[in-house]
Amino acid sequence: MEQEKYIGAEQSRSLFEYKNTSDVKKGHCVMLKNNPCKIISIHISKPGKHGDAKYHFVGKNILNGNKCEEIVTSHKKIIYPFINTCIGKIISIENDGFISLMDEKTMKITENLKINENMMEKINQNLEKDIEIYVKVLNVMDQEKIIEYKFTNLNI
């Protein structure tokens, strides 16, 4: 389900697709209350006298880790966001936690990506050394988050 995306590339395709509520399974990534969430549990209530069956979805936001819940009727469609990842080399780091990257494949530069404080500390410890720093960026519904980093020693 993951697709490769180049940082800074123009998006000419859709950011999501609609699927039937009954197609959602545990582990899928769907939009719950306008947040991209990985489904951690599903409870289905039987149809009652006055309506459709209802699906109670509980998910974990893939961008910030918050728990989201939503109840959806069985006849509604649910949004499946396209999840893209890419790898870029850090070319500059600002003191306020924003970085600039150069995409590993396209050599395009993306600026103003926020990095969390834990990653920032580890990266700052290695800035003085002769090391290149690469990060993996998750892009979903036009929101980006740095999810991993790695160091490459230039003295090999």
C-alpha atoms as a PDB file:
ATOM      1  CA  MET A   1       0.000   0.000   0.000  1.00  0.00           C
ATOM      2  CA  GLU A   2       2.979   2.315   0.412  1.00  0.00           C
ATOM      3  CA  GLN A   3       4.024   4.178  -2.712  1.00  0.00           C
ATOM      4  CA  GLU A   4       7.277   6.003  -3.362  1.00  0.00           C
ATOM      5  CA  LYS A   5       6.923   9.789  -3.685  1.00  0.00           C
ATOM      6  CA  TYR A   6       9.575  12.318  -4.437  1.00  0.00           C
ATOM      7  CA  ILE A   7       9.844  15.315  -2.130  1.00  0.00           C
ATOM      8  CA  GLY A   8       8.693  18.475  -3.844  1.00  0.00           C
ATOM      9  CA  ALA A   9       7.170  16.640  -6.804  1.00  0.00           C
ATOM     10  CA  GLU A  10       3.887  17.981  -8.147  1.00  0.00           C
ATOM     11  CA  GLN A  11       0.952  15.799  -7.193  1.00  0.00           C
ATOM     12  CA  SER A  12      -1.247  15.246 -10.206  1.00  0.00           C
ATOM     13  CA  ARG A  13      -3.132  12.315  -8.729  1.00  0.00           C
ATOM     14  CA  SER A  14      -5.686  11.980  -6.002  1.00  0.00           C
ATOM     15  CA  LEU A  15      -4.712  11.933  -2.331  1.00  0.00           C
ATOM     16  CA  PHE A  16      -7.240   9.226  -1.435  1.00  0.00           C
ATOM     17  CA  GLU A  17      -9.836   6.763  -2.661  1.00  0.00           C
ATOM     18  CA  TYR A  18     -13.266   5.774  -1.388  1.00  0.00           C
ATOM     19  CA  LYS A  19     -14.016   2.184  -0.357  1.00  0.00           C
ATOM     20  CA  ASN A  20     -16.961   0.411   1.218  1.00  0.00           C
ATOM     21  CA  THR A  21     -17.086   0.503   4.997  1.00  0.00           C
ATOM     22  CA  SER A  22     -17.315  -3.299   5.026  1.00  0.00           C
ATOM     23  CA  ASP A  23     -13.890  -3.516   3.306  1.00  0.00           C
ATOM     24  CA  VAL A  24     -12.049  -1.951   6.261  1.00  0.00           C
ATOM     25  CA  LYS A  25      -9.925  -4.433   8.205  1.00  0.00           C
ATOM     26  CA  LYS A  26      -7.720  -4.173  11.285  1.00  0.00           C
ATOM     27  CA  GLY A  27      -4.365  -2.690  10.284  1.00  0.00           C
ATOM     28  CA  HIS A  28      -5.726  -0.677   7.339  1.00  0.00           C
ATOM     29  CA  CYS A  29      -5.150   3.066   7.190  1.00  0.00           C
ATOM     30  CA  VAL A  30      -8.337   5.136   6.823  1.00  0.00           C
ATOM     31  CA  MET A  31      -9.487   8.652   7.623  1.00  0.00           C
ATOM     32  CA  LEU A  32     -11.250   8.897  11.004  1.00  0.00           C
ATOM     33  CA  LYS A  33     -12.559  12.367  11.892  1.00  0.00           C
ATOM     34  CA  ASN A  34     -10.311  13.849   9.165  1.00  0.00           C
ATOM     35  CA  ASN A  35      -7.179  12.168  10.569  1.00  0.00           C
ATOM     36  CA  PRO A  36      -5.160   9.413   8.865  1.00  0.00           C
ATOM     37  CA  CYS A  37      -5.419   6.476  11.280  1.00  0.00           C
ATOM     38  CA  LYS A  38      -4.309   2.871  11.409  1.00  0.00           C
ATOM     39  CA  ILE A  39      -7.268   0.762  12.529  1.00  0.00           C
ATOM     40  CA  ILE A  40      -6.643  -1.041  15.824  1.00  0.00           C
ATOM     41  CA  SER A  41     -10.161  -2.359  16.465  1.00  0.00           C
ATOM     42  CA  ILE A  42     -13.530  -2.717  14.755  1.00  0.00           C
ATOM     43  CA  HIS A  43     -16.886  -3.438  16.372  1.00  0.00           C
ATOM     44  CA  ILE A  44     -19.917  -4.079  14.166  1.00  0.00           C
ATOM     45  CA  SER A  45     -23.414  -3.645  15.550  1.00  0.00           C
ATOM     46  CA  LYS A  46     -26.262  -5.534  13.935  1.00  0.00           C
ATOM     47  CA  PRO A  47     -28.899  -3.649  11.963  1.00  0.00           C
ATOM     48  CA  GLY A  48     -31.755  -2.536  14.128  1.00  0.00           C
ATOM     49  CA  LYS A  49     -35.411  -2.053  13.489  1.00  0.00           C
ATOM     50  CA  HIS A  50     -34.843   1.445  12.100  1.00  0.00           C
ATOM     51  CA  GLY A  51     -31.598   1.350  10.227  1.00  0.00           C
ATOM     52  CA  ASP A  52     -28.332  -0.042   8.986  1.00  0.00           C
ATOM     53  CA  ALA A  53     -25.561  -1.840  10.788  1.00  0.00           C
ATOM     54  CA  LYS A  54     -22.988   0.488  12.302  1.00  0.00           C
ATOM     55  CA  TYR A  55     -19.210   0.117  12.361  1.00  0.00           C
ATOM     56  CA  HIS A  56     -17.321   1.464  15.369  1.00  0.00           C
ATOM     57  CA  PHE A  57     -13.711   2.080  14.319  1.00  0.00           C
ATOM     58  CA  VAL A  58     -10.872   2.806  16.743  1.00  0.00           C
ATOM     59  CA  GLY A  59      -7.585   3.902  15.234  1.00  0.00           C
ATOM     60  CA  LYS A  60      -4.232   5.456  16.022  1.00  0.00           C
ATOM     61  CA  ASN A  61      -3.280   8.615  14.131  1.00  0.00           C
ATOM     62  CA  ILE A  62      -0.188   7.786  12.057  1.00  0.00           C
ATOM     63  CA  LEU A  63       1.135  11.350  12.249  1.00  0.00           C
ATOM     64  CA  ASN A  64       0.865  12.117  15.967  1.00  0.00           C
ATOM     65  CA  GLY A  65      -0.128   8.845  17.697  1.00  0.00           C
ATOM     66  CA  ASN A  66      -3.441  10.104  19.103  1.00  0.00           C
ATOM     67  CA  LYS A  67      -6.361   7.725  19.432  1.00  0.00           C
ATOM     68  CA  CYS A  68      -9.385   8.403  17.157  1.00  0.00           C
ATOM     69  CA  GLU A  69     -12.830   6.823  17.151  1.00  0.00           C
ATOM     70  CA  GLU A  70     -15.677   7.079  14.686  1.00  0.00           C
ATOM     71  CA  ILE A  71     -19.007   5.342  14.141  1.00  0.00           C
ATOM     72  CA  VAL A  72     -20.000   4.891  10.490  1.00  0.00           C
ATOM     73  CA  THR A  73     -23.133   3.358   8.959  1.00  0.00           C
ATOM     74  CA  SER A  74     -22.541   0.336   6.749  1.00  0.00           C
ATOM     75  CA  HIS A  75     -23.807   1.948   3.554  1.00  0.00           C
ATOM     76  CA  LYS A  76     -21.362   4.903   3.690  1.00  0.00           C
ATOM     77  CA  LYS A  77     -18.029   4.984   1.909  1.00  0.00           C
ATOM     78  CA  ILE A  78     -14.850   5.549   3.891  1.00  0.00           C
ATOM     79  CA  ILE A  79     -11.703   7.360   2.772  1.00  0.00           C
ATOM     80  CA  TYR A  80      -8.478   5.393   2.280  1.00  0.00           C
ATOM     81  CA  PRO A  81      -5.596   7.912   2.059  1.00  0.00           C
ATOM     82  CA  PHE A  82      -2.597   7.166  -0.142  1.00  0.00           C
ATOM     83  CA  ILE A  83       0.529   6.890   2.004  1.00  0.00           C
ATOM     84  CA  ASN A  84       3.815   7.904   0.413  1.00  0.00           C
ATOM     85  CA  THR A  85       7.359   7.789   1.737  1.00  0.00           C
ATOM     86  CA  CYS A  86      10.641   9.189   0.501  1.00  0.00           C
ATOM     87  CA  ILE A  87      14.217   9.542   1.688  1.00  0.00           C
ATOM     88  CA  GLY A  88      16.107  12.818   1.729  1.00  0.00           C
ATOM     89  CA  LYS A  89      19.491  14.116   2.843  1.00  0.00           C
ATOM     90  CA  ILE A  90      19.477  16.912   5.421  1.00  0.00           C
ATOM     91  CA  ILE A  91      21.207  19.967   3.971  1.00  0.00           C
ATOM     92  CA  SER A  92      20.430  22.484   6.712  1.00  0.00           C
ATOM     93  CA  ILE A  93      18.994  22.586  10.219  1.00  0.00           C
ATOM     94  CA  GLU A  94      17.552  25.675  11.859  1.00  0.00           C
ATOM     95  CA  ASN A  95      17.611  26.233  15.638  1.00  0.00           C
ATOM     96  CA  ASP A  96      13.802  26.210  15.776  1.00  0.00           C
ATOM     97  CA  GLY A  97      13.661  22.571  14.596  1.00  0.00           C
ATOM     98  CA  PHE A  98      12.955  23.107  10.901  1.00  0.00           C
ATOM     99  CA  ILE A  99      15.131  21.370   8.318  1.00  0.00           C
ATOM    100  CA  SER A 100      15.781  21.477   4.589  1.00  0.00           C
ATOM    101  CA  LEU A 101      16.146  18.246   2.626  1.00  0.00           C
ATOM    102  CA  MET A 102      17.409  17.199  -0.763  1.00  0.00           C
ATOM    103  CA  ASP A 103      15.499  14.271  -2.237  1.00  0.00           C
ATOM    104  CA  GLU A 104      17.755  11.269  -2.764  1.00  0.00           C
ATOM    105  CA  LYS A 105      16.375  10.497  -6.246  1.00  0.00           C
ATOM    106  CA  THR A 106      15.223  13.782  -7.790  1.00  0.00           C
ATOM    107  CA  MET A 107      17.730  16.136  -6.091  1.00  0.00           C
ATOM    108  CA  LYS A 108      14.866  18.585  -5.413  1.00  0.00           C
ATOM    109  CA  ILE A 109      14.994  20.593  -2.208  1.00  0.00           C
ATOM    110  CA  THR A 110      12.176  20.763   0.341  1.00  0.00           C
ATOM    111  CA  GLU A 111      12.272  23.310   3.129  1.00  0.00           C
ATOM    112  CA  ASN A 112      10.479  23.872   6.425  1.00  0.00           C
ATOM    113  CA  LEU A 113       9.948  20.316   7.611  1.00  0.00           C
ATOM    114  CA  LYS A 114       9.585  20.157  11.394  1.00  0.00           C
ATOM    115  CA  ILE A 115      11.647  17.591  13.265  1.00  0.00           C
ATOM    116  CA  ASN A 116      10.802  16.425  16.789  1.00  0.00           C
ATOM    117  CA  GLU A 117      13.037  17.301  19.726  1.00  0.00           C
ATOM    118  CA  ASN A 118      14.385  13.780  20.351  1.00  0.00           C
ATOM    119  CA  MET A 119      15.559  13.447  16.747  1.00  0.00           C
ATOM    120  CA  MET A 120      16.919  16.996  16.841  1.00  0.00           C
ATOM    121  CA  GLU A 121      19.132  16.221  19.855  1.00  0.00           C
ATOM    122  CA  LYS A 122      20.595  13.078  18.269  1.00  0.00           C
ATOM    123  CA  ILE A 123      21.195  14.848  14.967  1.00  0.00           C
ATOM    124  CA  ASN A 124      22.849  17.858  16.646  1.00  0.00           C
ATOM    125  CA  GLN A 125      25.231  15.506  18.496  1.00  0.00           C
ATOM    126  CA  ASN A 126      26.458  14.184  15.145  1.00  0.00           C
ATOM    127  CA  LEU A 127      26.552  17.440  13.154  1.00  0.00           C
ATOM    128  CA  GLU A 128      30.159  18.200  14.002  1.00  0.00           C
ATOM    129  CA  LYS A 129      31.327  14.783  12.812  1.00  0.00           C
ATOM    130  CA  ASP A 130      31.955  13.964   9.150  1.00  0.00           C
ATOM    131  CA  ILE A 131      28.532  12.323   8.743  1.00  0.00           C
ATOM    132  CA  GLU A 132      25.668  12.640   6.273  1.00  0.00           C
ATOM    133  CA  ILE A 133      22.171  12.493   7.759  1.00  0.00           C
ATOM    134  CA  TYR A 134      19.242  10.970   5.887  1.00  0.00           C
ATOM    135  CA  VAL A 135      15.608  11.059   6.952  1.00  0.00           C
ATOM    136  CA  LYS A 136      12.528   9.149   5.863  1.00  0.00           C
ATOM    137  CA  VAL A 137       9.474  11.347   5.313  1.00  0.00           C
ATOM    138  CA  LEU A 138       5.889  10.115   5.498  1.00  0.00           C
ATOM    139  CA  ASN A 139       3.396  12.025   3.337  1.00  0.00           C
ATOM    140  CA  VAL A 140      -0.336  11.489   3.735  1.00  0.00           C
ATOM    141  CA  MET A 141      -3.144  13.866   2.703  1.00  0.00           C
ATOM    142  CA  ASP A 142      -0.612  16.673   2.069  1.00  0.00           C
ATOM    143  CA  GLN A 143       0.782  16.373   5.598  1.00  0.00           C
ATOM    144  CA  GLU A 144       4.423  15.432   6.095  1.00  0.00           C
ATOM    145  CA  LYS A 145       6.220  13.933   9.063  1.00  0.00           C
ATOM    146  CA  ILE A 146       9.784  12.759   9.527  1.00  0.00           C
ATOM    147  CA  ILE A 147       9.564   9.208  10.829  1.00  0.00           C
ATOM    148  CA  GLU A 148      13.159   7.891  10.745  1.00  0.00           C
ATOM    149  CA  TYR A 149      16.735   9.040  10.423  1.00  0.00           C
ATOM    150  CA  LYS A 150      20.089   7.410   9.778  1.00  0.00           C
ATOM    151  CA  PHE A 151      23.705   8.499   9.756  1.00  0.00           C
ATOM    152  CA  THR A 152      26.236   7.667   7.038  1.00  0.00           C
ATOM    153  CA  ASN A 153      29.929   8.022   7.803  1.00  0.00           C
ATOM    154  CA  LEU A 154      31.868   9.712   4.989  1.00  0.00           C
ATOM    155  CA  ASN A 155      35.235   8.304   6.134  1.00  0.00           C
ATOM    156  CA  ILE A 156      34.632   4.754   4.951  1.00  0.00           C
END
